[in-house]
């Protein structure tokens, strides 16, 4: 479940309980969401979006590393071929 959905669910449940005590739904949900987001930031929780960005960066790094390894292998093969012709 996306982290935004989790925050929405938590906020809605808390706000639902607070509505029993009175208050405007939208305002209460907004305040609760803000409080929950602040609390989660203190625990350094990684959001789904941040995780996806990190995974994409890692994949690109792996792809770049693979391409570099292939270039090094090709260059080493060329050097070896040149050395055997001397």
PDB file of N, CA and C in Angstrom:
ATOM      1  N   UNK A   1       0.851  -1.169   0.000  1.00  0.00           N
ATOM      2  CA  UNK A   1       0.000   0.000   0.000  1.00  0.00           C
ATOM      3  C   UNK A   1       0.894   1.228   0.000  1.00  0.00           C
ATOM      4  N   UNK A   2       0.590   2.206  -0.835  1.00  0.00           N
ATOM      5  CA  UNK A   2       1.396   3.414  -0.933  1.00  0.00           C
ATOM      6  C   UNK A   2       1.372   4.155   0.390  1.00  0.00           C
ATOM      7  N   UNK A   3       2.477   4.829   0.700  1.00  0.00           N
ATOM      8  CA  UNK A   3       2.570   5.517   1.982  1.00  0.00           C
ATOM      9  C   UNK A   3       1.519   6.602   2.106  1.00  0.00           C
ATOM     10  N   UNK A   4       1.188   7.280   0.992  1.00  0.00           N
ATOM     11  CA  UNK A   4       0.140   8.299   1.048  1.00  0.00           C
ATOM     12  C   UNK A   4      -1.181   7.666   1.431  1.00  0.00           C
ATOM     13  N   UNK A   5      -1.457   6.487   0.921  1.00  0.00           N
ATOM     14  CA  UNK A   5      -2.694   5.788   1.258  1.00  0.00           C
ATOM     15  C   UNK A   5      -2.694   5.410   2.732  1.00  0.00           C
ATOM     16  N   UNK A   6      -1.556   4.987   3.242  1.00  0.00           N
ATOM     17  CA  UNK A   6      -1.446   4.641   4.656  1.00  0.00           C
ATOM     18  C   UNK A   6      -1.720   5.874   5.507  1.00  0.00           C
ATOM     19  N   UNK A   7      -1.090   6.997   5.132  1.00  0.00           N
ATOM     20  CA  UNK A   7      -1.321   8.232   5.879  1.00  0.00           C
ATOM     21  C   UNK A   7      -2.775   8.651   5.810  1.00  0.00           C
ATOM     22  N   UNK A   8      -3.373   8.532   4.626  1.00  0.00           N
ATOM     23  CA  UNK A   8      -4.787   8.877   4.471  1.00  0.00           C
ATOM     24  C   UNK A   8      -5.650   7.999   5.365  1.00  0.00           C
ATOM     25  N   UNK A   9      -5.373   6.699   5.375  1.00  0.00           N
ATOM     26  CA  UNK A   9      -6.151   5.767   6.198  1.00  0.00           C
ATOM     27  C   UNK A   9      -6.012   6.090   7.682  1.00  0.00           C
ATOM     28  N   UNK A  10      -4.772   6.325   8.123  1.00  0.00           N
ATOM     29  CA  UNK A  10      -4.541   6.643   9.528  1.00  0.00           C
ATOM     30  C   UNK A  10      -5.253   7.941   9.890  1.00  0.00           C
ATOM     31  N   UNK A  11      -5.081   8.951   9.030  1.00  0.00           N
ATOM     32  CA  UNK A  11      -5.705  10.248   9.293  1.00  0.00           C
ATOM     33  C   UNK A  11      -7.215  10.128   9.363  1.00  0.00           C
ATOM     34  N   UNK A  12      -7.789   9.375   8.434  1.00  0.00           N
ATOM     35  CA  UNK A  12      -9.241   9.218   8.394  1.00  0.00           C
ATOM     36  C   UNK A  12      -9.757   8.509   9.654  1.00  0.00           C
ATOM     37  N   UNK A  13      -9.038   7.481  10.085  1.00  0.00           N
ATOM     38  CA  UNK A  13      -9.470   6.748  11.279  1.00  0.00           C
ATOM     39  C   UNK A  13      -9.389   7.623  12.531  1.00  0.00           C
ATOM     40  N   UNK A  14      -8.305   8.345  12.657  1.00  0.00           N
ATOM     41  CA  UNK A  14      -8.162   9.227  13.817  1.00  0.00           C
ATOM     42  C   UNK A  14      -9.212  10.329  13.759  1.00  0.00           C
ATOM     43  N   UNK A  15      -9.370  10.913  12.568  1.00  0.00           N
ATOM     44  CA  UNK A  15     -10.358  11.980  12.420  1.00  0.00           C
ATOM     45  C   UNK A  15     -11.762  11.455  12.700  1.00  0.00           C
ATOM     46  N   UNK A  16     -12.032  10.225  12.284  1.00  0.00           N
ATOM     47  CA  UNK A  16     -13.333   9.620  12.553  1.00  0.00           C
ATOM     48  C   UNK A  16     -13.612   9.557  14.036  1.00  0.00           C
ATOM     49  N   UNK A  17     -12.614   9.182  14.796  1.00  0.00           N
ATOM     50  CA  UNK A  17     -12.765   9.145  16.245  1.00  0.00           C
ATOM     51  C   UNK A  17     -12.960  10.534  16.832  1.00  0.00           C
ATOM     52  N   UNK A  18     -12.224  11.501  16.283  1.00  0.00           N
ATOM     53  CA  UNK A  18     -12.352  12.873  16.779  1.00  0.00           C
ATOM     54  C   UNK A  18     -13.692  13.496  16.402  1.00  0.00           C
ATOM     55  N   UNK A  19     -14.266  13.072  15.269  1.00  0.00           N
ATOM     56  CA  UNK A  19     -15.570  13.600  14.859  1.00  0.00           C
ATOM     57  C   UNK A  19     -16.645  13.266  15.881  1.00  0.00           C
ATOM     58  N   UNK A  20     -16.448  12.130  16.540  1.00  0.00           N
ATOM     59  CA  UNK A  20     -17.407  11.770  17.580  1.00  0.00           C
ATOM     60  C   UNK A  20     -17.417  12.827  18.681  1.00  0.00           C
ATOM     61  N   UNK A  21     -16.270  13.475  18.841  1.00  0.00           N
ATOM     62  CA  UNK A  21     -16.171  14.532  19.837  1.00  0.00           C
ATOM     63  C   UNK A  21     -16.595  15.878  19.267  1.00  0.00           C
ATOM     64  N   UNK A  22     -16.786  15.940  17.960  1.00  0.00           N
ATOM     65  CA  UNK A  22     -17.177  17.185  17.292  1.00  0.00           C
ATOM     66  C   UNK A  22     -16.030  17.731  16.473  1.00  0.00           C
ATOM     67  N   UNK A  23     -16.365  18.565  15.498  1.00  0.00           N
ATOM     68  CA  UNK A  23     -15.348  19.197  14.660  1.00  0.00           C
ATOM     69  C   UNK A  23     -15.596  18.919  13.205  1.00  0.00           C
ATOM     70  N   UNK A  24     -14.968  19.719  12.355  1.00  0.00           N
ATOM     71  CA  UNK A  24     -15.122  19.596  10.909  1.00  0.00           C
ATOM     72  C   UNK A  24     -14.207  18.494  10.394  1.00  0.00           C
ATOM     73  N   UNK A  25     -14.759  17.606   9.585  1.00  0.00           N
ATOM     74  CA  UNK A  25     -14.028  16.439   9.086  1.00  0.00           C
ATOM     75  C   UNK A  25     -12.768  16.838   8.330  1.00  0.00           C
ATOM     76  N   UNK A  26     -12.898  17.706   7.357  1.00  0.00           N
ATOM     77  CA  UNK A  26     -11.744  18.076   6.525  1.00  0.00           C
ATOM     78  C   UNK A  26     -10.624  18.699   7.324  1.00  0.00           C
ATOM     79  N   UNK A  27     -10.977  19.611   8.206  1.00  0.00           N
ATOM     80  CA  UNK A  27      -9.969  20.294   9.013  1.00  0.00           C
ATOM     81  C   UNK A  27      -9.279  19.310   9.960  1.00  0.00           C
ATOM     82  N   UNK A  28     -10.051  18.449  10.580  1.00  0.00           N
ATOM     83  CA  UNK A  28      -9.489  17.470  11.512  1.00  0.00           C
ATOM     84  C   UNK A  28      -8.564  16.511  10.773  1.00  0.00           C
ATOM     85  N   UNK A  29      -9.022  15.996   9.608  1.00  0.00           N
ATOM     86  CA  UNK A  29      -8.183  15.066   8.835  1.00  0.00           C
ATOM     87  C   UNK A  29      -6.885  15.731   8.414  1.00  0.00           C
ATOM     88  N   UNK A  30      -6.964  16.984   7.996  1.00  0.00           N
ATOM     89  CA  UNK A  30      -5.771  17.711   7.571  1.00  0.00           C
ATOM     90  C   UNK A  30      -4.788  17.873   8.727  1.00  0.00           C
ATOM     91  N   UNK A  31      -5.299  18.236   9.883  1.00  0.00           N
ATOM     92  CA  UNK A  31      -4.427  18.417  11.045  1.00  0.00           C
ATOM     93  C   UNK A  31      -3.815  17.086  11.484  1.00  0.00           C
ATOM     94  N   UNK A  32      -4.622  16.050  11.496  1.00  0.00           N
ATOM     95  CA  UNK A  32      -4.118  14.730  11.897  1.00  0.00           C
ATOM     96  C   UNK A  32      -3.064  14.247  10.908  1.00  0.00           C
ATOM     97  N   UNK A  33      -3.316  14.431   9.620  1.00  0.00           N
ATOM     98  CA  UNK A  33      -2.338  14.021   8.606  1.00  0.00           C
ATOM     99  C   UNK A  33      -1.018  14.751   8.810  1.00  0.00           C
ATOM    100  N   UNK A  34      -1.094  16.038   9.088  1.00  0.00           N
ATOM    101  CA  UNK A  34       0.116  16.827   9.335  1.00  0.00           C
ATOM    102  C   UNK A  34       0.873  16.301  10.544  1.00  0.00           C
ATOM    103  N   UNK A  35       0.153  15.980  11.604  1.00  0.00           N
ATOM    104  CA  UNK A  35       0.783  15.453  12.818  1.00  0.00           C
ATOM    105  C   UNK A  35       1.444  14.099  12.536  1.00  0.00           C
ATOM    106  N   UNK A  36       0.750  13.238  11.800  1.00  0.00           N
ATOM    107  CA  UNK A  36       1.294  11.913  11.489  1.00  0.00           C
ATOM    108  C   UNK A  36       2.527  12.042  10.594  1.00  0.00           C
ATOM    109  N   UNK A  37       2.473  12.915   9.583  1.00  0.00           N
ATOM    110  CA  UNK A  37       3.630  13.118   8.696  1.00  0.00           C
ATOM    111  C   UNK A  37       4.837  13.601   9.489  1.00  0.00           C
ATOM    112  N   UNK A  38       4.614  14.539  10.387  1.00  0.00           N
ATOM    113  CA  UNK A  38       5.705  15.052  11.218  1.00  0.00           C
ATOM    114  C   UNK A  38       6.297  13.937  12.081  1.00  0.00           C
ATOM    115  N   UNK A  39       5.436  13.126  12.663  1.00  0.00           N
ATOM    116  CA  UNK A  39       5.907  12.020  13.497  1.00  0.00           C
ATOM    117  C   UNK A  39       6.711  11.027  12.669  1.00  0.00           C
ATOM    118  N   UNK A  40       6.237  10.705  11.491  1.00  0.00           N
ATOM    119  CA  UNK A  40       6.952   9.746  10.638  1.00  0.00           C
ATOM    120  C   UNK A  40       8.298  10.302  10.181  1.00  0.00           C
ATOM    121  N   UNK A  41       8.379  11.609   9.942  1.00  0.00           N
ATOM    122  CA  UNK A  41       9.649  12.220   9.544  1.00  0.00           C
ATOM    123  C   UNK A  41      10.688  12.075  10.653  1.00  0.00           C
ATOM    124  N   UNK A  42      10.240  12.154  11.898  1.00  0.00           N
ATOM    125  CA  UNK A  42      11.168  12.004  13.023  1.00  0.00           C
ATOM    126  C   UNK A  42      11.738  10.595  13.081  1.00  0.00           C
ATOM    127  N   UNK A  43      10.995   9.613  12.576  1.00  0.00           N
ATOM    128  CA  UNK A  43      11.476   8.234  12.555  1.00  0.00           C
ATOM    129  C   UNK A  43      12.226   7.917  11.265  1.00  0.00           C
ATOM    130  N   UNK A  44      12.358   8.919  10.388  1.00  0.00           N
ATOM    131  CA  UNK A  44      13.065   8.767   9.115  1.00  0.00           C
ATOM    132  C   UNK A  44      12.487   7.613   8.302  1.00  0.00           C
ATOM    133  N   UNK A  45      11.174   7.580   8.192  1.00  0.00           N
ATOM    134  CA  UNK A  45      10.483   6.564   7.411  1.00  0.00           C
ATOM    135  C   UNK A  45      10.650   6.893   5.928  1.00  0.00           C
ATOM    136  N   UNK A  46      10.985   5.902   5.143  1.00  0.00           N
ATOM    137  CA  UNK A  46      11.165   6.091   3.713  1.00  0.00           C
ATOM    138  C   UNK A  46       9.818   5.906   3.024  1.00  0.00           C
ATOM    139  N   UNK A  47       9.435   6.916   2.250  1.00  0.00           N
ATOM    140  CA  UNK A  47       8.168   6.822   1.532  1.00  0.00           C
ATOM    141  C   UNK A  47       8.325   5.904   0.329  1.00  0.00           C
ATOM    142  N   UNK A  48       7.212   5.419  -0.164  1.00  0.00           N
ATOM    143  CA  UNK A  48       7.215   4.564  -1.341  1.00  0.00           C
ATOM    144  C   UNK A  48       7.826   5.305  -2.529  1.00  0.00           C
ATOM    145  N   UNK A  49       7.506   6.581  -2.649  1.00  0.00           N
ATOM    146  CA  UNK A  49       8.052   7.387  -3.753  1.00  0.00           C
ATOM    147  C   UNK A  49       9.568   7.483  -3.664  1.00  0.00           C
ATOM    148  N   UNK A  50      10.078   7.767  -2.461  1.00  0.00           N
ATOM    149  CA  UNK A  50      11.532   7.839  -2.294  1.00  0.00           C
ATOM    150  C   UNK A  50      12.188   6.497  -2.577  1.00  0.00           C
ATOM    151  N   UNK A  51      11.542   5.417  -2.173  1.00  0.00           N
ATOM    152  CA  UNK A  51      12.077   4.082  -2.416  1.00  0.00           C
ATOM    153  C   UNK A  51      12.136   3.804  -3.914  1.00  0.00           C
ATOM    154  N   UNK A  52      11.093   4.183  -4.643  1.00  0.00           N
ATOM    155  CA  UNK A  52      11.076   3.968  -6.090  1.00  0.00           C
ATOM    156  C   UNK A  52      12.179   4.761  -6.775  1.00  0.00           C
ATOM    157  N   UNK A  53      12.417   5.993  -6.318  1.00  0.00           N
ATOM    158  CA  UNK A  53      13.493   6.814  -6.878  1.00  0.00           C
ATOM    159  C   UNK A  53      14.836   6.148  -6.620  1.00  0.00           C
ATOM    160  N   UNK A  54      15.041   5.668  -5.400  1.00  0.00           N
ATOM    161  CA  UNK A  54      16.298   5.008  -5.057  1.00  0.00           C
ATOM    162  C   UNK A  54      16.501   3.731  -5.874  1.00  0.00           C
ATOM    163  N   UNK A  55      15.420   2.964  -6.062  1.00  0.00           N
ATOM    164  CA  UNK A  55      15.516   1.740  -6.862  1.00  0.00           C
ATOM    165  C   UNK A  55      15.868   2.064  -8.304  1.00  0.00           C
ATOM    166  N   UNK A  56      15.280   3.126  -8.850  1.00  0.00           N
ATOM    167  CA  UNK A  56      15.584   3.531 -10.229  1.00  0.00           C
ATOM    168  C   UNK A  56      17.041   3.967 -10.353  1.00  0.00           C
ATOM    169  N   UNK A  57      17.522   4.716  -9.355  1.00  0.00           N
ATOM    170  CA  UNK A  57      18.917   5.153  -9.381  1.00  0.00           C
ATOM    171  C   UNK A  57      19.859   3.962  -9.281  1.00  0.00           C
ATOM    172  N   UNK A  58      19.516   2.999  -8.440  1.00  0.00           N
ATOM    173  CA  UNK A  58      20.336   1.800  -8.299  1.00  0.00           C
ATOM    174  C   UNK A  58      20.366   1.001  -9.594  1.00  0.00           C
ATOM    175  N   UNK A  59      19.218   0.863 -10.250  1.00  0.00           N
ATOM    176  CA  UNK A  59      19.162   0.135 -11.522  1.00  0.00           C
ATOM    177  C   UNK A  59      20.026   0.824 -12.571  1.00  0.00           C
ATOM    178  N   UNK A  60      19.942   2.163 -12.641  1.00  0.00           N
ATOM    179  CA  UNK A  60      20.755   2.904 -13.604  1.00  0.00           C
ATOM    180  C   UNK A  60      22.235   2.709 -13.311  1.00  0.00           C
ATOM    181  N   UNK A  61      22.603   2.753 -12.046  1.00  0.00           N
ATOM    182  CA  UNK A  61      24.005   2.543 -11.667  1.00  0.00           C
ATOM    183  C   UNK A  61      24.485   1.152 -12.062  1.00  0.00           C
ATOM    184  N   UNK A  62      23.632   0.158 -11.831  1.00  0.00           N
ATOM    185  CA  UNK A  62      23.997  -1.213 -12.221  1.00  0.00           C
ATOM    186  C   UNK A  62      24.142  -1.326 -13.735  1.00  0.00           C
ATOM    187  N   UNK A  63      23.220  -0.713 -14.469  1.00  0.00           N
ATOM    188  CA  UNK A  63      23.297  -0.750 -15.931  1.00  0.00           C
ATOM    189  C   UNK A  63      24.559  -0.053 -16.423  1.00  0.00           C
ATOM    190  N   UNK A  64      24.880   1.104 -15.821  1.00  0.00           N
ATOM    191  CA  UNK A  64      26.094   1.831 -16.193  1.00  0.00           C
ATOM    192  C   UNK A  64      27.335   1.002 -15.887  1.00  0.00           C
ATOM    193  N   UNK A  65      27.335   0.330 -14.732  1.00  0.00           N
ATOM    194  CA  UNK A  65      28.477  -0.502 -14.348  1.00  0.00           C
ATOM    195  C   UNK A  65      28.646  -1.668 -15.327  1.00  0.00           C
ATOM    196  N   UNK A  66      27.533  -2.278 -15.711  1.00  0.00           N
ATOM    197  CA  UNK A  66      27.584  -3.381 -16.667  1.00  0.00           C
ATOM    198  C   UNK A  66      28.153  -2.909 -18.005  1.00  0.00           C
ATOM    199  N   UNK A  67      27.708  -1.726 -18.452  1.00  0.00           N
ATOM    200  CA  UNK A  67      28.205  -1.177 -19.721  1.00  0.00           C
ATOM    201  C   UNK A  67      29.703  -0.897 -19.633  1.00  0.00           C
ATOM    202  N   UNK A  68      30.135  -0.362 -18.501  1.00  0.00           N
ATOM    203  CA  UNK A  68      31.562  -0.091 -18.322  1.00  0.00           C
ATOM    204  C   UNK A  68      32.371  -1.389 -18.285  1.00  0.00           C
ATOM    205  N   UNK A  69      31.849  -2.404 -17.612  1.00  0.00           N
ATOM    206  CA  UNK A  69      32.539  -3.702 -17.582  1.00  0.00           C
ATOM    207  C   UNK A  69      32.674  -4.278 -18.989  1.00  0.00           C
ATOM    208  N   UNK A  70      31.621  -4.144 -19.783  1.00  0.00           N
ATOM    209  CA  UNK A  70      31.680  -4.641 -21.159  1.00  0.00           C
ATOM    210  C   UNK A  70      32.714  -3.872 -21.974  1.00  0.00           C
ATOM    211  N   UNK A  71      32.789  -2.553 -21.772  1.00  0.00           N
ATOM    212  CA  UNK A  71      33.799  -1.746 -22.488  1.00  0.00           C
ATOM    213  C   UNK A  71      35.212  -2.150 -22.073  1.00  0.00           C
ATOM    214  N   UNK A  72      35.414  -2.361 -20.774  1.00  0.00           N
ATOM    215  CA  UNK A  72      36.733  -2.760 -20.282  1.00  0.00           C
ATOM    216  C   UNK A  72      37.110  -4.121 -20.870  1.00  0.00           C
ATOM    217  N   UNK A  73      36.157  -5.053 -20.879  1.00  0.00           N
ATOM    218  CA  UNK A  73      36.431  -6.371 -21.463  1.00  0.00           C
ATOM    219  C   UNK A  73      36.813  -6.252 -22.932  1.00  0.00           C
ATOM    220  N   UNK A  74      36.084  -5.409 -23.670  1.00  0.00           N
ATOM    221  CA  UNK A  74      36.381  -5.223 -25.096  1.00  0.00           C
ATOM    222  C   UNK A  74      37.756  -4.592 -25.290  1.00  0.00           C
ATOM    223  N   UNK A  75      38.083  -3.598 -24.480  1.00  0.00           N
ATOM    224  CA  UNK A  75      39.394  -2.956 -24.588  1.00  0.00           C
ATOM    225  C   UNK A  75      40.522  -3.921 -24.219  1.00  0.00           C
ATOM    226  N   UNK A  76      40.305  -4.729 -23.189  1.00  0.00           N
ATOM    227  CA  UNK A  76      41.316  -5.722 -22.812  1.00  0.00           C
ATOM    228  C   UNK A  76      41.516  -6.738 -23.937  1.00  0.00           C
ATOM    229  N   UNK A  77      40.442  -7.112 -24.598  1.00  0.00           N
ATOM    230  CA  UNK A  77      40.550  -8.051 -25.727  1.00  0.00           C
ATOM    231  C   UNK A  77      41.330  -7.417 -26.867  1.00  0.00           C
ATOM    232  N   UNK A  78      41.091  -6.130 -27.128  1.00  0.00           N
ATOM    233  CA  UNK A  78      41.834  -5.439 -28.187  1.00  0.00           C
ATOM    234  C   UNK A  78      43.318  -5.342 -27.851  1.00  0.00           C
ATOM    235  N   UNK A  79      43.621  -5.040 -26.589  1.00  0.00           N
ATOM    236  CA  UNK A  79      45.027  -4.959 -26.165  1.00  0.00           C
ATOM    237  C   UNK A  79      45.698  -6.318 -26.313  1.00  0.00           C
ATOM    238  N   UNK A  80      45.001  -7.349 -25.902  1.00  0.00           N
ATOM    239  CA  UNK A  80      45.571  -8.699 -26.007  1.00  0.00           C
ATOM    240  C   UNK A  80      45.807  -9.055 -27.471  1.00  0.00           C
ATOM    241  N   UNK A  81      44.861  -8.690 -28.319  1.00  0.00           N
ATOM    242  CA  UNK A  81      45.011  -8.975 -29.757  1.00  0.00           C
ATOM    243  C   UNK A  81      46.215  -8.212 -30.326  1.00  0.00           C
ATOM    244  N   UNK A  82      46.375  -6.973 -29.919  1.00  0.00           N
ATOM    245  CA  UNK A  82      47.514  -6.185 -30.399  1.00  0.00           C
ATOM    246  C   UNK A  82      48.841  -6.761 -29.889  1.00  0.00           C
ATOM    247  N   UNK A  83      48.860  -7.245 -28.665  1.00  0.00           N
ATOM    248  CA  UNK A  83      50.085  -7.800 -28.084  1.00  0.00           C
ATOM    249  C   UNK A  83      50.489  -9.093 -28.798  1.00  0.00           C
ATOM    250  N   UNK A  84      49.516  -9.860 -29.233  1.00  0.00           N
ATOM    251  CA  UNK A  84      49.850 -11.116 -29.897  1.00  0.00           C
ATOM    252  C   UNK A  84      50.324 -10.895 -31.328  1.00  0.00           C
ATOM    253  N   UNK A  85      50.000  -9.732 -31.915  1.00  0.00           N
ATOM    254  CA  UNK A  85      50.446  -9.419 -33.283  1.00  0.00           C
ATOM    255  C   UNK A  85      51.815  -8.788 -33.323  1.00  0.00           C
ATOM    256  N   UNK A  86      52.367  -8.438 -32.197  1.00  0.00           N
ATOM    257  CA  UNK A  86      53.680  -7.786 -32.178  1.00  0.00           C
ATOM    258  C   UNK A  86      54.807  -8.743 -32.291  1.00  0.00           C
TER     259      UNK A  86
END
